[in-house]
Protein backbone atom coordinates (compact mmCIF):
# COMPACT_ATOMS: atom_id res chain seq x y z
CA MET A 1 7.86 -58.61 27.90
CA SER A 2 11.05 -56.85 28.81
CA ASN A 3 12.43 -57.18 25.30
CA LEU A 4 9.76 -55.34 23.28
CA SER A 5 11.18 -53.80 20.18
CA PRO A 6 9.55 -52.92 16.85
CA VAL A 7 12.04 -55.21 15.12
CA PRO A 8 11.65 -58.91 16.07
CA PRO A 9 14.68 -60.08 18.09
CA ILE A 10 16.67 -63.08 16.85
CA THR A 11 17.75 -65.89 19.21
CA PRO A 12 21.40 -67.11 19.17
CA GLN A 13 20.18 -70.08 17.13
CA GLY A 14 18.87 -67.72 14.38
CA PHE A 15 15.16 -68.10 15.19
CA LEU A 16 12.69 -65.34 15.92
CA ASP A 17 12.09 -64.74 19.59
CA PRO A 18 8.72 -66.33 20.43
CA VAL A 19 7.90 -63.53 22.91
CA TRP A 20 7.83 -60.90 20.18
CA PRO A 21 4.83 -62.20 18.17
CA LYS A 22 2.85 -62.56 21.40
CA TRP A 23 3.53 -58.91 22.27
CA LEU A 24 2.56 -57.83 18.74
CA THR A 25 -0.75 -59.67 19.02
CA GLN A 26 -1.49 -58.00 22.37
CA ALA A 27 -0.62 -54.52 20.99
CA ARG A 28 -2.84 -55.04 17.95
CA ALA A 29 -5.74 -56.02 20.17
CA ALA A 30 -5.22 -52.88 22.28
CA ILE A 31 -5.23 -50.67 19.20
CA LEU A 32 -8.47 -52.18 17.89
CA ALA A 33 -10.21 -51.77 21.25
CA THR A 34 -13.51 -49.89 21.42
CA ILE A 35 -13.62 -46.47 23.08
CA THR A 36 -16.47 -46.48 25.56
CA ALA A 37 -16.29 -42.94 26.97
CA ILE A 38 -14.91 -39.55 25.99
CA LYS A 39 -14.87 -36.56 28.29
CA ILE A 40 -14.42 -32.99 27.02
CA ALA A 41 -13.15 -30.49 29.54
CA THR A 42 -14.89 -27.12 29.20
CA ALA A 43 -12.16 -24.54 29.64
CA ASN A 44 -10.05 -21.91 27.88
CA GLY A 45 -12.93 -20.70 25.73
CA PHE A 46 -13.98 -24.14 24.45
CA ALA A 47 -16.89 -26.42 25.29
CA GLY A 48 -18.13 -29.54 23.61
CA GLY A 49 -19.87 -32.85 23.77
CA VAL A 50 -19.94 -36.36 22.35
CA ALA A 51 -22.90 -37.90 20.59
CA THR A 52 -23.16 -41.46 19.31
CA VAL A 53 -25.22 -41.95 16.19
CA ASN A 54 -25.49 -45.46 14.73
CA GLY A 55 -22.45 -46.59 16.70
CA THR A 56 -20.25 -43.71 15.47
CA ALA A 57 -19.01 -41.23 18.07
CA THR A 58 -19.10 -37.58 16.98
CA ILE A 59 -17.22 -34.92 18.94
CA THR A 60 -18.53 -31.35 18.75
CA LEU A 61 -16.42 -28.40 19.94
CA ASN A 62 -17.89 -24.93 20.47
CA ILE A 63 -16.27 -21.58 21.20
CA THR A 64 -17.78 -20.11 24.38
CA VAL A 65 -16.35 -16.59 24.04
CA ALA A 66 -18.42 -14.01 22.13
CA GLY A 67 -17.20 -11.07 20.05
CA ILE A 68 -13.76 -10.65 18.56
CA LEU A 69 -11.39 -13.31 19.87
CA LYS A 70 -7.69 -13.36 20.59
CA GLY A 71 -5.43 -16.17 21.64
CA VAL A 72 -3.69 -15.93 24.99
CA GLY A 73 -1.44 -18.89 25.65
CA GLY A 74 -3.60 -21.96 24.99
CA ALA A 75 -6.90 -20.15 25.53
CA LEU A 76 -9.31 -17.96 23.58
CA VAL A 77 -10.48 -14.77 25.25
CA GLN A 78 -12.53 -11.81 24.16
CA ALA A 79 -10.45 -9.01 22.61
CA VAL A 80 -10.71 -5.52 24.12
CA ASP A 81 -11.77 -2.54 21.96
CA GLY A 82 -9.07 0.12 21.90
CA VAL A 83 -6.42 -2.31 23.19
CA ASP A 84 -6.50 -5.29 20.82
CA TYR A 85 -8.34 -3.62 17.93
CA LEU A 86 -9.89 -0.27 16.95
CA SER A 87 -13.62 -0.16 16.33
CA HIS A 88 -13.59 3.50 15.32
CA VAL A 89 -10.85 5.46 13.51
CA THR A 90 -10.70 9.25 13.19
CA LEU A 91 -8.19 10.99 10.91
CA THR A 92 -7.14 14.64 11.34
CA GLY A 93 -4.72 16.98 9.58
CA ASP A 94 -4.41 17.23 5.79
CA VAL A 95 -6.66 14.17 5.45
CA THR A 96 -9.76 14.06 7.64
CA GLY A 97 -12.37 11.38 8.11
CA SER A 98 -13.69 8.62 10.33
CA SER A 99 -14.83 5.03 10.07
CA ASN A 100 -18.48 4.19 9.61
CA SER A 101 -20.54 1.20 10.69
CA SER A 102 -19.12 -0.99 7.90
CA ASP A 103 -15.49 -0.35 8.97
CA ILE A 104 -14.73 1.82 5.94
CA VAL A 105 -12.81 5.04 6.61
CA VAL A 106 -14.34 7.80 4.49
CA THR A 107 -11.70 10.49 3.92
CA THR A 108 -11.67 14.09 2.74
CA LEU A 109 -8.59 16.02 1.67
CA ALA A 110 -8.41 19.22 3.71
CA ALA A 111 -8.91 22.45 1.76
CA SER A 112 -5.60 24.14 0.91
CA GLY A 113 -7.01 27.67 0.81
CA VAL A 114 -6.56 28.01 -2.95
CA THR A 115 -9.62 28.92 -4.99
CA ALA A 116 -10.45 26.16 -7.45
CA GLY A 117 -10.15 27.23 -11.06
CA THR A 118 -7.88 27.68 -14.05
CA TYR A 119 -4.87 29.92 -13.69
CA GLY A 120 -3.04 31.43 -16.67
CA SER A 121 -4.03 32.59 -20.14
CA ALA A 122 -2.48 33.91 -23.34
CA SER A 123 -1.54 37.13 -21.54
CA SER A 124 -0.73 35.80 -18.04
CA ILE A 125 1.22 32.93 -16.55
CA PRO A 126 0.36 31.06 -13.32
CA VAL A 127 2.51 31.33 -10.20
CA VAL A 128 1.97 28.26 -8.02
CA THR A 129 3.14 27.60 -4.43
CA VAL A 130 3.45 23.91 -3.50
CA SER A 131 3.88 22.62 0.08
CA SER A 132 6.39 19.94 1.13
CA LYS A 133 3.48 17.47 0.98
CA GLY A 134 2.80 18.26 -2.68
CA LEU A 135 -0.33 20.31 -1.99
CA VAL A 136 -0.95 23.53 -3.91
CA THR A 137 -1.17 26.17 -1.19
CA GLY A 138 -1.10 29.30 -3.31
CA ALA A 139 -1.90 30.31 -6.87
CA SER A 140 -1.92 33.62 -8.68
CA VAL A 141 -1.20 35.01 -12.14
CA VAL A 142 1.36 37.42 -13.50
CA ALA A 143 0.70 39.42 -16.65
CA VAL A 144 3.12 38.81 -19.48
CA ALA A 145 4.23 41.94 -21.27
CA PRO A 146 4.17 41.43 -25.02
CA VAL A 147 7.57 41.60 -26.64
CA PRO A 148 7.49 44.41 -29.18
CA ILE A 149 8.75 43.76 -32.66
CA LEU A 150 11.07 46.59 -33.61
CA VAL A 151 10.87 47.90 -37.16
CA GLY A 152 13.43 49.96 -39.07
CA PRO A 153 16.33 49.99 -41.51
CA THR A 154 19.56 48.02 -40.97
CA SER A 155 21.27 51.18 -39.70
CA SER A 156 18.73 51.52 -36.83
CA ARG A 157 19.15 48.03 -35.31
CA PRO A 158 19.67 48.10 -31.51
CA ALA A 159 23.39 48.13 -30.59
CA ALA A 160 23.12 45.66 -27.63
CA PRO A 161 19.89 43.69 -28.10
CA VAL A 162 18.61 41.10 -25.63
CA ASN A 163 19.01 37.56 -26.94
CA GLY A 164 15.87 36.71 -28.93
CA THR A 165 14.95 40.34 -29.77
CA GLN A 166 12.97 40.44 -33.02
CA TYR A 167 13.58 43.15 -35.60
CA LEU A 168 11.85 43.71 -38.92
CA ASP A 169 14.69 44.98 -41.06
CA THR A 170 13.08 47.16 -43.76
CA THR A 171 16.39 47.44 -45.68
CA LEU A 172 16.54 43.60 -46.02
CA GLY A 173 12.78 43.22 -46.23
CA GLN A 174 12.76 40.34 -43.68
CA PRO A 175 12.43 39.69 -39.94
CA ILE A 176 15.66 38.95 -38.05
CA VAL A 177 16.48 37.84 -34.50
CA ALA A 178 19.33 38.86 -32.15
CA LEU A 179 21.60 35.86 -31.62
CA SER A 180 23.31 36.96 -28.40
CA THR A 181 23.81 39.94 -26.14
CA ALA A 182 27.63 39.72 -26.28
CA HIS A 183 27.72 41.22 -29.76
CA SER A 184 25.27 42.51 -32.21
CA GLY A 185 24.81 39.19 -34.04
CA TRP A 186 21.61 38.95 -36.04
CA ILE A 187 20.26 35.99 -38.01
CA ASN A 188 17.39 35.53 -40.41
CA ALA A 189 14.82 32.73 -40.42
CA ALA A 190 17.26 30.45 -42.30
CA GLY A 191 19.89 30.91 -39.55
CA VAL A 192 22.18 32.98 -41.77
CA SER A 193 23.98 35.96 -40.19
CA VAL A 194 22.70 39.23 -41.59
């Protein structure tokens, strides 16, 4: 059986080598042999056994390590809290909180020091301070002085009005607005210089 190959060898005369079919028959018989014993080594976190029911062998494997497992080489071992996993998490800083028994971290955004409420009104505007983290850290209001509407004849218009100054020109009988501070340019509601 020195010439055992998966392809049947051919003799110089063109015939199949008679040794090859004999080897194939022996190999087939070995493959169809009945297993009479199976041994399971209990090691590396595994244990098991073999049971035969109605002539059918059943192999059962069990994990012998309790808790959270981790693989080390070819073995299973118990993982270590604080080294391989965290069983409790505590957050500090702008977000505070800790994990509970169901592994959910309940968080609370830290107070910024600003009083909750609405800032600003028709007569005041809000002034807001925002931190680099996007948190509002300060809030106040500044009163807005009403812009007076000046009233008078064309000859009494201000000589150097602030852009947007309103003037009720009694000579023209209409309100007008200062166009710029560079010159005394006034326009009416239609945008016409007056």
